[in-house]
Amino acid sequence: MKKLIDQTIAQLNTILLGKDTQVRLAVCTLLARGHLLIEDIPGMGKTTLSHALARVMDLSYQRIQFTNDLLPADVLGFSMYDKQAGELIFHPGPIFAQVVLADEINRASPRTQSALLEAMEERQVSIEGETRPLPSPFFVIATQNPLEQGGTYPLPESQLDRFLMRVRLGYPDPKAERELLEGEDRRTLTDKLQPLLKRDELFTLQQAVERVTTSAALLDYVQRLLDQSRRMPGIVYGLSPRAGLGLVRAARAWALMDGRHHVLPDDIQAVFPAVAEHRLEQGDTAKSQDRIRQLLAQVSVLA
């Protein structure tokens, strides 16, 4: 399993240069059956990463460009009367794909943003009184611009909590940037990617994540992190039980990616910033990274 995962990551690293950690976190999110939020300024490779993931894993892919006039029906779909059939025919929206890129999600109105909530949590959508299942696997990658940029709406805490992880890509290092400037267009390279993971192999990996074991002592460590987050000065709401479940699930996936079937404290610490930072931000971006460092420093691995 590790060899297959390593090959997938290596293939993705040929497209998104110099971002191995972010690529690993993205793959970890998918293996853990979560959703990923990527925050950065335009032009940093957010769309490229999402498209490359879909290509390498041979999954259906849809991109939704979120704008301030986008309506929920534009995302979910709608029914239209068909004269020949004499009945309403449902036309599915772009949400009915295995990998959905919600591009610049915070440029849409809160009403449209909320159209994703049921889909992300329940893997289904309720439209016109009928519940429709979404494809499996179902993986949402949302991108958002920093809130200080014009024309953005902050994501509510209820929606932020639906994302297992948030990552920032950041500027490439000089070597990677030079390779980008000298190399072939990233879109062309992405289109040339060959699938490495078949759908049943991805399911096997996701099921293997669930069998990775976590000791009682490690769960005690997770609980201490959750409890300490709820006691931190300046934090109105600490990490939720959903965040705790996501942290354990992400750590299991990280352990599997490292070729292990048991979780170590190092796995918790590796994924904790990506799992917790956006949940503890609460309108104060500058302090969120400091809070994560404080939490990890204050909470001992051993009771």
Protein backbone atom coordinates (compact mmCIF):
# COMPACT_ATOMS: atom_id res chain seq x y z
CA MET A 1 0.00 0.00 0.00
CA LYS A 2 2.78 2.42 0.90
CA LYS A 3 4.43 1.92 -2.48
CA LEU A 4 1.21 2.79 -4.29
CA ILE A 5 0.69 5.89 -2.14
CA ASP A 6 4.31 6.99 -2.64
CA GLN A 7 3.96 6.61 -6.43
CA THR A 8 0.79 8.74 -6.36
CA ILE A 9 2.46 11.48 -4.33
CA ALA A 10 5.54 11.42 -6.55
CA GLN A 11 3.34 11.85 -9.63
CA LEU A 12 1.54 14.81 -8.05
CA ASN A 13 4.88 16.37 -7.09
CA THR A 14 5.82 16.53 -10.78
CA ILE A 15 2.90 18.92 -11.25
CA LEU A 16 2.95 20.96 -8.03
CA LEU A 17 6.65 21.61 -7.53
CA GLY A 18 8.22 22.09 -4.12
CA LYS A 19 4.99 21.43 -2.16
CA ASP A 20 5.45 17.88 -0.91
CA THR A 21 3.90 18.53 2.52
CA GLN A 22 0.78 20.15 1.05
CA VAL A 23 0.42 17.34 -1.50
CA ARG A 24 0.71 14.75 1.27
CA LEU A 25 -1.93 16.53 3.34
CA ALA A 26 -4.27 16.63 0.34
CA VAL A 27 -3.86 12.88 -0.26
CA CYS A 28 -4.28 12.28 3.47
CA THR A 29 -7.58 14.18 3.44
CA LEU A 30 -8.92 12.03 0.60
CA LEU A 31 -7.83 8.77 2.26
CA ALA A 32 -9.51 9.91 5.48
CA ARG A 33 -12.77 10.61 3.55
CA GLY A 34 -12.62 14.30 4.42
CA HIS A 35 -12.79 17.55 2.46
CA LEU A 36 -9.99 20.02 1.84
CA LEU A 37 -9.90 23.82 2.00
CA ILE A 38 -7.01 25.55 0.25
CA GLU A 39 -6.49 29.21 1.11
CA ASP A 40 -4.10 31.38 -0.84
CA ILE A 41 -3.87 34.26 -3.27
CA PRO A 42 -4.75 33.56 -6.94
CA GLY A 43 -2.15 31.88 -9.12
CA MET A 44 -0.55 29.59 -6.52
CA GLY A 45 -1.65 26.25 -8.02
CA LYS A 46 -4.86 25.53 -6.11
CA THR A 47 -6.82 24.52 -9.21
CA THR A 48 -3.86 22.59 -10.59
CA LEU A 49 -3.63 20.46 -7.45
CA SER A 50 -7.32 19.55 -7.47
CA HIS A 51 -7.32 18.62 -11.16
CA ALA A 52 -4.13 16.57 -10.79
CA LEU A 53 -5.60 14.63 -7.86
CA ALA A 54 -8.65 13.70 -9.91
CA ARG A 55 -6.50 12.65 -12.88
CA VAL A 56 -4.07 10.51 -10.88
CA MET A 57 -6.92 8.73 -9.10
CA ASP A 58 -9.13 8.39 -12.20
CA LEU A 59 -12.08 10.18 -10.61
CA SER A 60 -14.75 12.27 -12.29
CA TYR A 61 -14.08 15.98 -11.86
CA GLN A 62 -16.16 19.14 -11.91
CA ARG A 63 -15.09 22.71 -11.27
CA ILE A 64 -17.59 25.26 -9.96
CA GLN A 65 -16.57 28.89 -10.17
CA PHE A 66 -18.20 30.59 -7.20
CA THR A 67 -19.35 34.15 -7.86
CA ASN A 68 -21.64 36.53 -6.02
CA ASP A 69 -24.53 35.76 -8.40
CA LEU A 70 -24.21 31.95 -8.22
CA LEU A 71 -27.44 30.29 -7.05
CA PRO A 72 -27.86 27.01 -5.13
CA ALA A 73 -29.55 25.46 -8.19
CA ASP A 74 -26.41 26.21 -10.20
CA VAL A 75 -24.55 23.92 -7.82
CA LEU A 76 -27.11 21.23 -6.98
CA GLY A 77 -29.19 21.03 -10.14
CA PHE A 78 -32.84 21.61 -11.00
CA SER A 79 -35.92 19.99 -12.52
CA MET A 80 -37.42 21.07 -15.82
CA TYR A 81 -40.65 19.97 -17.44
CA ASP A 82 -40.10 17.76 -20.48
CA LYS A 83 -42.99 17.98 -22.96
CA GLN A 84 -42.17 14.71 -24.67
CA ALA A 85 -41.89 12.76 -21.44
CA GLY A 86 -44.78 14.66 -19.88
CA GLU A 87 -42.97 14.97 -16.56
CA LEU A 88 -40.33 16.86 -14.68
CA ILE A 89 -36.80 15.72 -15.52
CA PHE A 90 -34.00 16.35 -13.04
CA HIS A 91 -30.82 17.88 -14.44
CA PRO A 92 -27.99 17.22 -11.97
CA GLY A 93 -25.64 20.07 -11.13
CA PRO A 94 -21.85 19.91 -11.03
CA ILE A 95 -21.98 18.72 -7.41
CA PHE A 96 -22.62 15.22 -8.81
CA ALA A 97 -18.95 14.36 -9.36
CA GLN A 98 -16.39 12.42 -7.37
CA VAL A 99 -14.00 15.37 -7.07
CA VAL A 100 -15.64 18.79 -6.92
CA LEU A 101 -13.55 21.96 -7.00
CA ALA A 102 -15.45 24.80 -5.34
CA ASP A 103 -13.24 27.55 -6.71
CA GLU A 104 -13.10 30.81 -4.73
CA ILE A 105 -15.89 29.58 -2.50
CA ASN A 106 -15.89 32.72 -0.37
CA ARG A 107 -16.87 34.91 -3.32
CA ALA A 108 -20.38 33.39 -3.31
CA SER A 109 -23.17 34.51 -1.03
CA PRO A 110 -23.70 32.68 2.28
CA ARG A 111 -26.91 31.17 0.84
CA THR A 112 -25.00 29.48 -1.97
CA GLN A 113 -22.15 28.46 0.31
CA SER A 114 -24.67 26.70 2.55
CA ALA A 115 -25.83 24.57 -0.41
CA LEU A 116 -22.69 22.52 0.13
CA LEU A 117 -23.31 21.73 3.81
CA GLU A 118 -25.55 18.69 3.40
CA ALA A 119 -23.49 17.40 0.49
CA MET A 120 -20.24 17.53 2.45
CA GLU A 121 -21.62 15.99 5.63
CA GLU A 122 -24.17 13.48 4.37
CA ARG A 123 -22.84 12.71 0.87
CA GLN A 124 -26.32 13.49 -0.44
CA VAL A 125 -28.43 16.47 -1.44
CA SER A 126 -32.11 17.22 -0.88
CA ILE A 127 -33.66 18.90 -3.90
CA GLU A 128 -37.35 19.64 -4.33
CA GLY A 129 -38.32 17.22 -1.59
CA GLU A 130 -36.22 14.32 -2.86
CA THR A 131 -32.94 13.06 -1.45
CA ARG A 132 -30.34 12.16 -4.06
CA PRO A 133 -27.10 10.31 -3.23
CA LEU A 134 -23.81 11.70 -4.47
CA PRO A 135 -21.12 9.64 -6.20
CA SER A 136 -18.64 7.66 -4.15
CA PRO A 137 -15.99 8.63 -3.32
CA PHE A 138 -17.07 12.25 -2.90
CA PHE A 139 -14.30 14.76 -2.27
CA VAL A 140 -14.76 18.53 -2.12
CA ILE A 141 -11.72 20.72 -2.60
CA ALA A 142 -12.63 24.34 -1.94
CA THR A 143 -10.33 27.26 -2.60
CA GLN A 144 -10.69 30.64 -0.99
CA ASN A 145 -8.90 33.92 -1.30
CA PRO A 146 -7.64 35.68 1.84
CA LEU A 147 -10.45 37.64 3.48
CA GLU A 148 -8.57 40.92 3.09
CA GLN A 149 -9.10 40.67 -0.67
CA GLY A 150 -12.15 42.45 -2.04
CA GLY A 151 -15.45 40.74 -2.80
CA THR A 152 -15.17 37.92 -0.28
CA TYR A 153 -17.60 36.61 2.33
CA PRO A 154 -16.17 34.86 5.40
CA LEU A 155 -17.11 31.18 5.66
CA PRO A 156 -19.28 30.55 8.75
CA GLU A 157 -17.89 28.30 11.48
CA SER A 158 -20.45 25.60 10.65
CA GLN A 159 -19.05 25.33 7.14
CA LEU A 160 -15.40 25.60 8.15
CA ASP A 161 -15.99 22.65 10.48
CA ARG A 162 -17.01 20.51 7.47
CA PHE A 163 -13.48 20.74 6.08
CA LEU A 164 -11.20 18.14 7.58
CA MET A 165 -8.10 20.16 6.70
CA ARG A 166 -7.03 23.55 5.47
CA VAL A 167 -3.69 24.12 3.78
CA ARG A 168 -1.87 27.09 2.31
CA LEU A 169 0.37 26.52 -0.70
CA GLY A 170 2.51 29.64 -0.46
CA TYR A 171 5.11 30.87 -2.91
CA PRO A 172 7.44 28.24 -4.41
CA ASP A 173 11.10 28.26 -3.45
CA PRO A 174 13.48 29.76 -6.05
CA LYS A 175 14.52 26.38 -7.46
CA ALA A 176 10.94 25.19 -7.93
CA GLU A 177 9.87 28.55 -9.39
CA ARG A 178 12.70 28.45 -11.93
CA GLU A 179 11.64 24.95 -12.94
CA LEU A 180 8.10 26.24 -13.40
CA LEU A 181 9.30 29.11 -15.59
CA GLU A 182 11.45 26.86 -17.76
CA GLY A 183 9.08 23.89 -17.92
CA GLU A 184 5.96 22.93 -19.80
CA ASP A 185 2.58 24.47 -18.97
CA ARG A 186 1.10 22.87 -15.84
CA ARG A 187 -2.31 22.35 -17.47
CA THR A 188 -0.73 20.47 -20.35
CA LEU A 189 1.26 18.32 -17.95
CA THR A 190 -1.85 17.64 -15.86
CA ASP A 191 -3.77 16.48 -18.93
CA LYS A 192 -0.96 14.01 -19.65
CA LEU A 193 -1.14 12.41 -16.21
CA GLN A 194 -1.96 8.71 -16.21
CA PRO A 195 -4.22 7.23 -13.50
CA LEU A 196 -2.24 5.36 -10.87
CA LEU A 197 -5.03 4.46 -8.45
CA LYS A 198 -8.12 2.63 -9.60
CA ARG A 199 -11.36 3.34 -7.81
CA ASP A 200 -11.41 -0.03 -6.03
CA GLU A 201 -7.81 0.52 -4.91
CA LEU A 202 -8.79 3.89 -3.44
CA PHE A 203 -11.68 2.22 -1.59
CA THR A 204 -9.25 -0.40 -0.27
CA LEU A 205 -6.94 2.31 1.04
CA GLN A 206 -9.83 4.21 2.66
CA GLN A 207 -11.02 1.03 4.35
CA ALA A 208 -7.45 0.30 5.50
CA VAL A 209 -7.39 3.71 7.21
CA GLU A 210 -10.32 2.64 9.37
CA ARG A 211 -8.39 -0.42 10.54
CA VAL A 212 -5.35 1.56 11.71
CA THR A 213 -5.30 1.23 15.49
CA THR A 214 -5.15 3.99 18.09
CA SER A 215 -4.14 3.19 21.66
CA ALA A 216 -6.01 4.42 24.71
CA ALA A 217 -3.00 6.54 25.66
CA LEU A 218 -3.02 8.24 22.28
CA LEU A 219 -6.75 8.98 22.53
CA ASP A 220 -6.04 10.49 25.96
CA TYR A 221 -3.52 12.79 24.25
CA VAL A 222 -6.13 13.83 21.68
CA GLN A 223 -8.63 14.56 24.44
CA ARG A 224 -6.11 16.72 26.27
CA LEU A 225 -5.53 18.72 23.08
CA LEU A 226 -9.27 19.22 22.64
CA ASP A 227 -9.75 20.21 26.28
CA GLN A 228 -6.84 22.66 26.25
CA SER A 229 -8.21 24.33 23.09
CA ARG A 230 -11.41 25.08 24.99
CA ARG A 231 -9.48 26.75 27.82
CA MET A 232 -7.24 29.02 25.75
CA PRO A 233 -7.59 32.77 26.37
CA GLY A 234 -9.18 34.60 23.44
CA ILE A 235 -10.89 31.48 22.06
CA VAL A 236 -14.68 31.65 22.19
CA TYR A 237 -15.21 28.10 20.94
CA GLY A 238 -12.59 25.39 21.22
CA LEU A 239 -12.26 22.36 19.01
CA SER A 240 -15.51 20.46 18.57
CA PRO A 241 -16.03 16.69 18.94
CA ARG A 242 -16.22 16.61 15.12
CA ALA A 243 -12.74 18.12 15.03
CA GLY A 244 -11.52 15.43 17.42
CA LEU A 245 -12.95 12.66 15.27
CA GLY A 246 -11.40 14.25 12.20
CA LEU A 247 -8.03 14.55 13.92
CA VAL A 248 -7.97 10.85 14.75
CA ARG A 249 -9.11 9.89 11.25
CA ALA A 250 -6.47 12.11 9.64
CA ALA A 251 -3.75 10.69 11.91
CA ARG A 252 -4.76 7.16 10.92
CA ALA A 253 -4.45 8.09 7.25
CA TRP A 254 -1.06 9.72 7.88
CA ALA A 255 0.15 6.58 9.66
CA LEU A 256 -0.99 4.40 6.75
CA MET A 257 0.83 6.67 4.32
CA ASP A 258 3.96 6.02 6.38
CA GLY A 259 3.43 2.27 6.10
CA ARG A 260 2.17 1.71 9.65
CA HIS A 261 -1.03 0.23 11.04
CA HIS A 262 -0.91 2.06 14.36
CA VAL A 263 -0.95 5.77 15.16
CA LEU A 264 1.95 7.50 16.89
CA PRO A 265 1.90 10.91 18.61
CA ASP A 266 4.02 12.15 15.68
CA ASP A 267 1.07 11.45 13.37
CA ILE A 268 -1.25 13.56 15.51
CA GLN A 269 1.27 16.41 15.56
CA ALA A 270 1.87 16.19 11.80
CA VAL A 271 -1.80 16.70 10.88
CA PHE A 272 -2.90 18.82 13.84
CA PRO A 273 -2.12 22.26 12.34
CA ALA A 274 -4.05 21.52 9.14
CA VAL A 275 -7.00 20.07 11.09
CA ALA A 276 -7.20 22.65 13.87
CA GLU A 277 -5.99 26.01 12.60
CA HIS A 278 -9.06 27.03 10.58
CA ARG A 279 -11.33 25.95 13.44
CA LEU A 280 -9.50 28.14 15.95
CA GLU A 281 -9.01 31.17 13.73
CA GLN A 282 -12.29 32.88 14.69
CA GLY A 283 -11.58 36.09 12.81
CA ASP A 284 -7.97 36.40 13.95
CA THR A 285 -5.78 34.93 11.21
CA ALA A 286 -2.53 36.31 12.58
CA LYS A 287 -2.84 34.47 15.88
CA SER A 288 -4.13 31.10 14.66
CA GLN A 289 -0.68 29.65 13.95
CA ASP A 290 0.58 30.84 17.34
CA ARG A 291 -2.36 29.14 19.01
CA ILE A 292 -1.52 25.84 17.34
CA ARG A 293 2.12 26.07 18.46
CA GLN A 294 1.02 26.89 21.99
CA LEU A 295 -1.38 23.96 22.11
CA LEU A 296 1.23 21.47 20.97
CA ALA A 297 3.78 22.91 23.41
CA GLN A 298 1.42 23.04 26.40
CA VAL A 299 -0.11 19.57 26.06
CA SER A 300 2.18 16.70 27.01
CA VAL A 301 2.10 13.47 25.05
CA LEU A 302 2.22 11.60 28.34
CA ALA A 303 -0.38 12.21 31.04
